Amino acid sequence: MSYNQDTIDELNLLALYNLDTTLAGLKVHSSSASPGAVAAAQRLHGKGLTTQADGGYLTTLGHEAAEMAQTLFNLLNPV
């Protein structure tokens, strides 16, 4: 098993969410974001992890996924 670029792009977006509040979302602008980030935002929405196809807020499932993604990142990149 290995991560493909689509999965890495999704993990990178999940890592950007602030897990300390449910009042902060993300907006992925198609004019300034990479095509990979735009597509990742759409896939995360399609999977029910975010409220909007261009980012939005995390759903309950999305919050769990972002927690896991951020925990994994911190384990692999200790301070």
C-alpha atoms as a PDB file:
ATOM      1  CA  MET A   1       0.000   0.000   0.000  1.00  0.00           C
ATOM      2  CA  SER A   2       1.203   3.497  -0.795  1.00  0.00           C
ATOM      3  CA  TYR A   3      -0.352   6.938  -0.908  1.00  0.00           C
ATOM      4  CA  ASN A   4      -1.065   8.352  -4.342  1.00  0.00           C
ATOM      5  CA  GLN A   5      -0.961  12.065  -5.141  1.00  0.00           C
ATOM      6  CA  ASP A   6      -4.739  12.443  -4.761  1.00  0.00           C
ATOM      7  CA  THR A   7      -4.591  11.088  -1.213  1.00  0.00           C
ATOM      8  CA  ILE A   8      -1.621  13.294  -0.357  1.00  0.00           C
ATOM      9  CA  ASP A   9      -3.501  16.346  -1.651  1.00  0.00           C
ATOM     10  CA  GLU A  10      -6.505  15.431   0.504  1.00  0.00           C
ATOM     11  CA  LEU A  11      -4.317  14.919   3.587  1.00  0.00           C
ATOM     12  CA  ASN A  12      -2.636  18.271   2.970  1.00  0.00           C
ATOM     13  CA  LEU A  13      -6.027  20.014   2.924  1.00  0.00           C
ATOM     14  CA  LEU A  14      -7.190  18.223   6.060  1.00  0.00           C
ATOM     15  CA  ALA A  15      -3.991  19.351   7.772  1.00  0.00           C
ATOM     16  CA  LEU A  16      -4.934  22.996   7.187  1.00  0.00           C
ATOM     17  CA  TYR A  17      -8.138  22.887   9.231  1.00  0.00           C
ATOM     18  CA  ASN A  18      -8.106  24.422  12.716  1.00  0.00           C
ATOM     19  CA  LEU A  19      -9.410  21.676  14.988  1.00  0.00           C
ATOM     20  CA  ASP A  20      -9.748  24.000  17.977  1.00  0.00           C
ATOM     21  CA  THR A  21     -12.947  25.543  16.621  1.00  0.00           C
ATOM     22  CA  THR A  22     -15.851  24.536  14.419  1.00  0.00           C
ATOM     23  CA  LEU A  23     -16.248  28.168  13.327  1.00  0.00           C
ATOM     24  CA  ALA A  24     -13.221  28.212  11.013  1.00  0.00           C
ATOM     25  CA  GLY A  25     -13.424  26.706   7.566  1.00  0.00           C
ATOM     26  CA  LEU A  26     -11.359  26.805   4.394  1.00  0.00           C
ATOM     27  CA  LYS A  27     -11.993  28.354   1.011  1.00  0.00           C
ATOM     28  CA  VAL A  28     -10.105  26.789  -1.887  1.00  0.00           C
ATOM     29  CA  HIS A  29     -10.072  29.408  -4.643  1.00  0.00           C
ATOM     30  CA  SER A  30      -9.830  27.863  -8.094  1.00  0.00           C
ATOM     31  CA  SER A  31      -8.085  31.013  -9.332  1.00  0.00           C
ATOM     32  CA  SER A  32      -5.196  30.776  -6.864  1.00  0.00           C
ATOM     33  CA  ALA A  33      -5.049  27.199  -5.535  1.00  0.00           C
ATOM     34  CA  SER A  34      -3.288  24.397  -7.338  1.00  0.00           C
ATOM     35  CA  PRO A  35      -5.427  22.135  -9.514  1.00  0.00           C
ATOM     36  CA  GLY A  36      -4.598  19.309  -7.090  1.00  0.00           C
ATOM     37  CA  ALA A  37      -5.955  21.253  -4.114  1.00  0.00           C
ATOM     38  CA  VAL A  38      -9.136  22.203  -5.993  1.00  0.00           C
ATOM     39  CA  ALA A  39      -9.742  18.585  -6.963  1.00  0.00           C
ATOM     40  CA  ALA A  40      -8.944  17.397  -3.426  1.00  0.00           C
ATOM     41  CA  ALA A  41     -11.506  19.814  -1.973  1.00  0.00           C
ATOM     42  CA  GLN A  42     -14.124  18.446  -4.340  1.00  0.00           C
ATOM     43  CA  ARG A  43     -13.266  14.848  -3.431  1.00  0.00           C
ATOM     44  CA  LEU A  44     -13.406  15.574   0.307  1.00  0.00           C
ATOM     45  CA  HIS A  45     -16.859  17.081  -0.177  1.00  0.00           C
ATOM     46  CA  GLY A  46     -17.934  14.073  -2.236  1.00  0.00           C
ATOM     47  CA  LYS A  47     -16.834  11.804   0.610  1.00  0.00           C
ATOM     48  CA  GLY A  48     -18.909  13.785   3.091  1.00  0.00           C
ATOM     49  CA  LEU A  49     -15.930  15.234   4.948  1.00  0.00           C
ATOM     50  CA  THR A  50     -16.629  18.911   4.191  1.00  0.00           C
ATOM     51  CA  THR A  51     -19.728  21.015   3.750  1.00  0.00           C
ATOM     52  CA  GLN A  52     -18.781  22.625   0.423  1.00  0.00           C
ATOM     53  CA  ALA A  53     -17.032  21.498  -2.754  1.00  0.00           C
ATOM     54  CA  ASP A  54     -14.582  24.402  -2.398  1.00  0.00           C
ATOM     55  CA  GLY A  55     -13.729  23.707   1.235  1.00  0.00           C
ATOM     56  CA  GLY A  56     -16.239  24.976   3.742  1.00  0.00           C
ATOM     57  CA  TYR A  57     -16.429  23.486   7.199  1.00  0.00           C
ATOM     58  CA  LEU A  58     -15.590  19.996   8.377  1.00  0.00           C
ATOM     59  CA  THR A  59     -18.454  17.619   8.964  1.00  0.00           C
ATOM     60  CA  THR A  60     -18.314  15.396  12.040  1.00  0.00           C
ATOM     61  CA  LEU A  61     -16.665  12.690   9.940  1.00  0.00           C
ATOM     62  CA  GLY A  62     -14.350  15.279   8.407  1.00  0.00           C
ATOM     63  CA  HIS A  63     -13.285  16.472  11.846  1.00  0.00           C
ATOM     64  CA  GLU A  64     -12.344  12.904  12.766  1.00  0.00           C
ATOM     65  CA  ALA A  65     -10.408  12.520   9.518  1.00  0.00           C
ATOM     66  CA  ALA A  66      -8.585  15.822  10.033  1.00  0.00           C
ATOM     67  CA  GLU A  67      -7.669  14.805  13.597  1.00  0.00           C
ATOM     68  CA  MET A  68      -6.195  11.561  12.291  1.00  0.00           C
ATOM     69  CA  ALA A  69      -4.354  13.292   9.450  1.00  0.00           C
ATOM     70  CA  GLN A  70      -2.881  15.886  11.783  1.00  0.00           C
ATOM     71  CA  THR A  71      -1.939  13.271  14.381  1.00  0.00           C
ATOM     72  CA  LEU A  72      -0.161  11.187  11.741  1.00  0.00           C
ATOM     73  CA  PHE A  73       1.688  14.256  10.480  1.00  0.00           C
ATOM     74  CA  ASN A  74       2.841  15.087  14.017  1.00  0.00           C
ATOM     75  CA  LEU A  75       3.977  11.521  14.629  1.00  0.00           C
ATOM     76  CA  LEU A  76       6.012  11.504  11.434  1.00  0.00           C
ATOM     77  CA  ASN A  77       7.393  15.008  11.996  1.00  0.00           C
ATOM     78  CA  PRO A  78       8.255  15.321  15.687  1.00  0.00           C
ATOM     79  CA  VAL A  79       9.261  18.745  16.932  1.00  0.00           C
END
